[in-house]
Amino acid sequence: MNTANAMRLAFDAASTNTPKTQRTRLYAMVRSALNRKIGLTFHRSAWSVLRGKR
């Protein structure tokens, strides 16, 4: 969770100088990527747990 926090902080720092539209688009991209990564790891772990129970 610390890495995600650091990433967000770094991203906020980097996005302060960019125009609003570009910033929002970039932020949406980063957030979707993070969500995808989190979902992937969660699904994989849940899948492995379900598989192990069988």
C-alpha atoms as a PDB file:
ATOM      1  CA  MET A   1       0.000   0.000   0.000  1.00  0.00           C
ATOM      2  CA  ASN A   2       2.957   2.312   0.605  1.00  0.00           C
ATOM      3  CA  THR A   3       4.060   2.013  -3.021  1.00  0.00           C
ATOM      4  CA  ALA A   4       0.602   3.018  -4.232  1.00  0.00           C
ATOM      5  CA  ASN A   5       0.645   5.994  -1.874  1.00  0.00           C
ATOM      6  CA  ALA A   6       4.063   7.077  -3.123  1.00  0.00           C
ATOM      7  CA  MET A   7       2.898   6.641  -6.714  1.00  0.00           C
ATOM      8  CA  ARG A   8      -0.141   8.817  -6.067  1.00  0.00           C
ATOM      9  CA  LEU A   9       1.966  11.490  -4.389  1.00  0.00           C
ATOM     10  CA  ALA A  10       4.494  11.489  -7.225  1.00  0.00           C
ATOM     11  CA  PHE A  11       1.688  11.614  -9.770  1.00  0.00           C
ATOM     12  CA  ASP A  12       0.014  14.546  -7.989  1.00  0.00           C
ATOM     13  CA  ALA A  13       3.330  16.394  -7.901  1.00  0.00           C
ATOM     14  CA  ALA A  14       3.911  15.734 -11.597  1.00  0.00           C
ATOM     15  CA  SER A  15       0.373  16.693 -12.616  1.00  0.00           C
ATOM     16  CA  THR A  16       0.264  20.095 -10.899  1.00  0.00           C
ATOM     17  CA  ASN A  17       1.892  21.796 -13.910  1.00  0.00           C
ATOM     18  CA  THR A  18      -0.178  20.124 -16.635  1.00  0.00           C
ATOM     19  CA  PRO A  19      -3.455  21.530 -18.038  1.00  0.00           C
ATOM     20  CA  LYS A  20      -6.713  20.352 -16.504  1.00  0.00           C
ATOM     21  CA  THR A  21      -7.946  18.154 -19.375  1.00  0.00           C
ATOM     22  CA  GLN A  22      -4.613  16.388 -19.746  1.00  0.00           C
ATOM     23  CA  ARG A  23      -4.387  15.929 -15.978  1.00  0.00           C
ATOM     24  CA  THR A  24      -7.842  14.367 -15.664  1.00  0.00           C
ATOM     25  CA  ARG A  25      -7.219  12.076 -18.625  1.00  0.00           C
ATOM     26  CA  LEU A  26      -3.853  10.970 -17.227  1.00  0.00           C
ATOM     27  CA  TYR A  27      -5.343  10.473 -13.772  1.00  0.00           C
ATOM     28  CA  ALA A  28      -8.162   8.332 -15.164  1.00  0.00           C
ATOM     29  CA  MET A  29      -5.605   6.254 -17.057  1.00  0.00           C
ATOM     30  CA  VAL A  30      -3.447   5.724 -13.967  1.00  0.00           C
ATOM     31  CA  ARG A  31      -6.437   4.956 -11.758  1.00  0.00           C
ATOM     32  CA  SER A  32      -7.848   2.410 -14.215  1.00  0.00           C
ATOM     33  CA  ALA A  33      -4.413   0.767 -14.485  1.00  0.00           C
ATOM     34  CA  LEU A  34      -4.132   0.578 -10.688  1.00  0.00           C
ATOM     35  CA  ASN A  35      -7.662  -0.833 -10.417  1.00  0.00           C
ATOM     36  CA  ARG A  36      -6.877  -3.413 -13.079  1.00  0.00           C
ATOM     37  CA  LYS A  37      -3.711  -4.457 -11.237  1.00  0.00           C
ATOM     38  CA  ILE A  38      -5.554  -4.716  -7.900  1.00  0.00           C
ATOM     39  CA  GLY A  39      -8.414  -6.649  -9.481  1.00  0.00           C
ATOM     40  CA  LEU A  40      -5.993  -8.998 -11.222  1.00  0.00           C
ATOM     41  CA  THR A  41      -4.119  -9.827  -8.022  1.00  0.00           C
ATOM     42  CA  PHE A  42      -7.378 -10.214  -6.076  1.00  0.00           C
ATOM     43  CA  HIS A  43      -8.941 -12.490  -8.681  1.00  0.00           C
ATOM     44  CA  ARG A  44      -5.801 -14.586  -8.949  1.00  0.00           C
ATOM     45  CA  SER A  45      -5.578 -15.072  -5.165  1.00  0.00           C
ATOM     46  CA  ALA A  46      -9.302 -15.861  -4.891  1.00  0.00           C
ATOM     47  CA  TRP A  47      -8.998 -18.278  -7.804  1.00  0.00           C
ATOM     48  CA  SER A  48      -6.024 -20.053  -6.223  1.00  0.00           C
ATOM     49  CA  VAL A  49      -7.911 -20.307  -2.901  1.00  0.00           C
ATOM     50  CA  LEU A  50     -10.985 -21.746  -4.623  1.00  0.00           C
ATOM     51  CA  ARG A  51      -8.802 -24.155  -6.578  1.00  0.00           C
ATOM     52  CA  GLY A  52      -6.983 -25.282  -3.427  1.00  0.00           C
ATOM     53  CA  LYS A  53     -10.251 -26.057  -1.615  1.00  0.00           C
ATOM     54  CA  ARG A  54     -11.438 -28.411  -4.354  1.00  0.00           C
END
